[in-house]
């Protein structure tokens, strides 16, 4: 920029990239990439067997199994 040369910038926002990722697809891709044993089990335990319910004004909805996304607040 100081020399007034062309500058190319690419901005990428990954903040939502895991919002809808299917857990089975993610785990299969990790296996394909060579992630095995303890590290793979750690990833699996992080996303596997998750459920959620909505609580509003003292009422709780039915619990539902979640097969995509990551827990709220995850980085």
Foldseek 3Di string as FASTA:
>chain_A
DVVPDDDDDDDDDCPCVQAFAFLVVVLVVCVVVPDDDPRSVVSCVQQPFDWDWDADPRDIDDIDTDGGGGDPPDD
